[in-house]
Amino acid sequence: MVNNELLKTIPLSGTDKGVISISNMDEPYGEGSNSVVSIGISIKGNDNNPDWKAHIPYENIDEVIEALKEAKKKFGK
């Protein structure tokens, strides 16, 4: 059974009501599947029903964070 626990909601820059939601999801792909962090983007501000989402296995979080830091350093304002 999928258990989705909202961890944090962040205002989405450049929008009026948009949010980025960070959640923990247990067994997202069925019984016995590993937990993931779910990153959702909602333009309308609905953190429970995002327009887009990505599921990242916890084993990959450090590499994803490093890639995001690299992108910010290279392309961020």
Foldseek 3Di string as FASTA:
>chain_A
DKDKAWDDWAADPPADQKIWTWIWIDQPPHPPDHIWIKIAIARNNDNVDGPDIDTHGPVCVVVVVVVVVVCCVVPND
